[in-house]
Amino acid sequence: MKISLIITMILLSSCVTQNPKYIQGYIYTIENNPIEGIKIQDPNNIKILSYTNSKGYFRINQMIKGRLLYVLQNNKKIDSIYIVTTHPEKGANYNFVEGKKDTLFINLNKVTSPNNLYN
């Protein structure tokens, strides 16, 4: 009886996934160059933000309540990063979180074009 209880507890604890503690990643051009000074911001709380450094790296030291972050250049939204995606059979999948080296590639020519929807 004790052995089956221990095995059950081990199996249940192995199924539990811990939520990530922070968000991190890189922003690059499609030419594979890092972009410095891009603002990454939580649309639900504008106080939660970070800027990319000279290597294109950003880090937000907490998780957000929503599912995505805005990517802004000169305070204009140029893209979004989906932190959490879900699938009915596979469950939640986290992107741009601790331990992952995710990168968003942006075509700056389209972003700065006068016919672009973001401008």
Protein backbone atom coordinates (compact mmCIF):
# COMPACT_ATOMS: atom_id res chain seq x y z
CA MET A 1 0.00 0.00 0.00
CA LYS A 2 2.76 2.46 0.92
CA ILE A 3 4.70 1.60 -2.21
CA SER A 4 1.74 2.27 -4.50
CA LEU A 5 1.11 5.58 -2.70
CA ILE A 6 4.75 6.61 -3.17
CA ILE A 7 4.69 5.64 -6.85
CA THR A 8 1.47 7.59 -7.37
CA MET A 9 2.96 10.68 -5.71
CA ILE A 10 6.08 10.44 -7.87
CA LEU A 11 4.02 10.12 -11.05
CA LEU A 12 1.82 13.08 -10.13
CA SER A 13 4.75 15.30 -9.23
CA SER A 14 6.46 14.51 -12.53
CA CYS A 15 3.37 15.71 -14.43
CA VAL A 16 3.34 19.10 -12.78
CA THR A 17 5.13 21.78 -14.78
CA GLN A 18 6.40 24.87 -13.06
CA ASN A 19 5.57 28.23 -14.60
CA PRO A 20 8.56 30.21 -15.86
CA LYS A 21 9.82 33.07 -13.68
CA TYR A 22 11.04 35.50 -16.32
CA ILE A 23 10.89 36.38 -20.02
CA GLN A 24 13.97 36.71 -22.20
CA GLY A 25 14.97 36.62 -25.83
CA TYR A 26 16.59 38.34 -28.76
CA ILE A 27 15.34 40.71 -31.46
CA TYR A 28 17.21 40.58 -34.79
CA THR A 29 16.77 41.89 -38.30
CA ILE A 30 16.07 39.39 -41.04
CA GLU A 31 19.71 39.94 -42.01
CA ASN A 32 20.65 38.36 -38.64
CA ASN A 33 21.82 41.62 -37.00
CA PRO A 34 20.83 42.47 -33.41
CA ILE A 35 18.53 45.47 -32.97
CA GLU A 36 19.30 47.75 -30.03
CA GLY A 37 16.73 49.97 -28.32
CA ILE A 38 13.57 47.99 -29.14
CA LYS A 39 10.98 48.23 -26.36
CA ILE A 40 9.32 45.01 -25.22
CA GLN A 41 6.18 45.82 -23.22
CA ASP A 42 3.24 44.10 -21.55
CA PRO A 43 0.08 45.57 -23.15
CA ASN A 44 -1.86 44.95 -19.92
CA ASN A 45 0.67 46.74 -17.68
CA ILE A 46 2.86 49.36 -19.38
CA LYS A 47 5.18 49.42 -16.37
CA ILE A 48 6.38 45.91 -17.25
CA LEU A 49 8.94 46.47 -20.01
CA SER A 50 12.48 46.05 -21.17
CA TYR A 51 14.71 47.37 -23.95
CA THR A 52 17.03 45.36 -26.15
CA ASN A 53 20.74 45.90 -25.63
CA SER A 54 23.50 46.03 -28.28
CA LYS A 55 23.24 42.25 -28.67
CA GLY A 56 19.47 42.44 -29.24
CA TYR A 57 18.88 40.78 -25.86
CA PHE A 58 16.04 41.69 -23.52
CA ARG A 59 14.86 40.34 -20.17
CA ILE A 60 11.77 41.00 -18.06
CA ASN A 61 12.26 39.66 -14.54
CA GLN A 62 8.69 38.48 -14.05
CA MET A 63 5.94 36.72 -15.93
CA ILE A 64 3.01 38.61 -17.39
CA LYS A 65 -0.68 37.94 -16.83
CA GLY A 66 -1.54 37.97 -20.53
CA ARG A 67 -0.33 35.82 -23.40
CA LEU A 68 1.70 38.30 -25.44
CA LEU A 69 4.09 41.24 -25.40
CA TYR A 70 4.24 44.20 -27.74
CA VAL A 71 7.42 44.95 -29.67
CA LEU A 72 7.75 48.71 -30.15
CA GLN A 73 10.13 50.95 -32.07
CA ASN A 74 9.84 54.69 -31.39
CA ASN A 75 6.69 53.85 -29.37
CA LYS A 76 4.99 52.31 -32.43
CA LYS A 77 3.96 48.66 -32.35
CA ILE A 78 5.93 46.76 -34.97
CA ASP A 79 5.28 43.19 -33.84
CA SER A 80 4.09 40.95 -31.00
CA ILE A 81 5.62 38.06 -29.11
CA TYR A 82 3.28 35.30 -27.99
CA ILE A 83 4.63 34.02 -24.67
CA VAL A 84 2.01 31.32 -24.14
CA THR A 85 0.35 29.26 -26.83
CA THR A 86 -2.07 26.45 -26.08
CA HIS A 87 -3.14 23.28 -27.79
CA PRO A 88 -6.11 21.14 -26.73
CA GLU A 89 -4.04 17.95 -26.68
CA LYS A 90 -0.54 19.23 -25.92
CA GLY A 91 -1.44 21.90 -23.35
CA ALA A 92 0.47 25.14 -22.80
CA ASN A 93 3.72 25.93 -24.58
CA TYR A 94 5.93 28.80 -23.40
CA ASN A 95 8.11 30.88 -25.72
CA PHE A 96 10.72 33.50 -24.85
CA VAL A 97 11.02 32.29 -21.25
CA GLU A 98 13.88 31.32 -18.97
CA GLY A 99 16.15 28.72 -20.46
CA LYS A 100 14.93 29.17 -24.05
CA LYS A 101 16.99 31.09 -26.57
CA ASP A 102 14.14 32.34 -28.74
CA THR A 103 14.69 35.06 -31.32
CA LEU A 104 12.23 37.28 -33.17
CA PHE A 105 13.37 38.32 -36.64
CA ILE A 106 11.96 41.62 -37.95
CA ASN A 107 12.05 43.00 -41.48
CA LEU A 108 12.83 46.66 -40.73
CA ASN A 109 12.27 47.62 -44.39
CA LYS A 110 8.58 46.74 -44.06
CA VAL A 111 8.33 48.41 -40.66
CA THR A 112 9.62 51.77 -41.93
CA SER A 113 7.79 51.66 -45.25
CA PRO A 114 5.20 54.47 -45.68
CA ASN A 115 2.64 51.92 -46.89
CA ASN A 116 3.07 49.75 -43.81
CA LEU A 117 0.04 49.24 -41.59
CA TYR A 118 2.11 49.84 -38.44
CA ASN A 119 2.90 53.47 -39.34
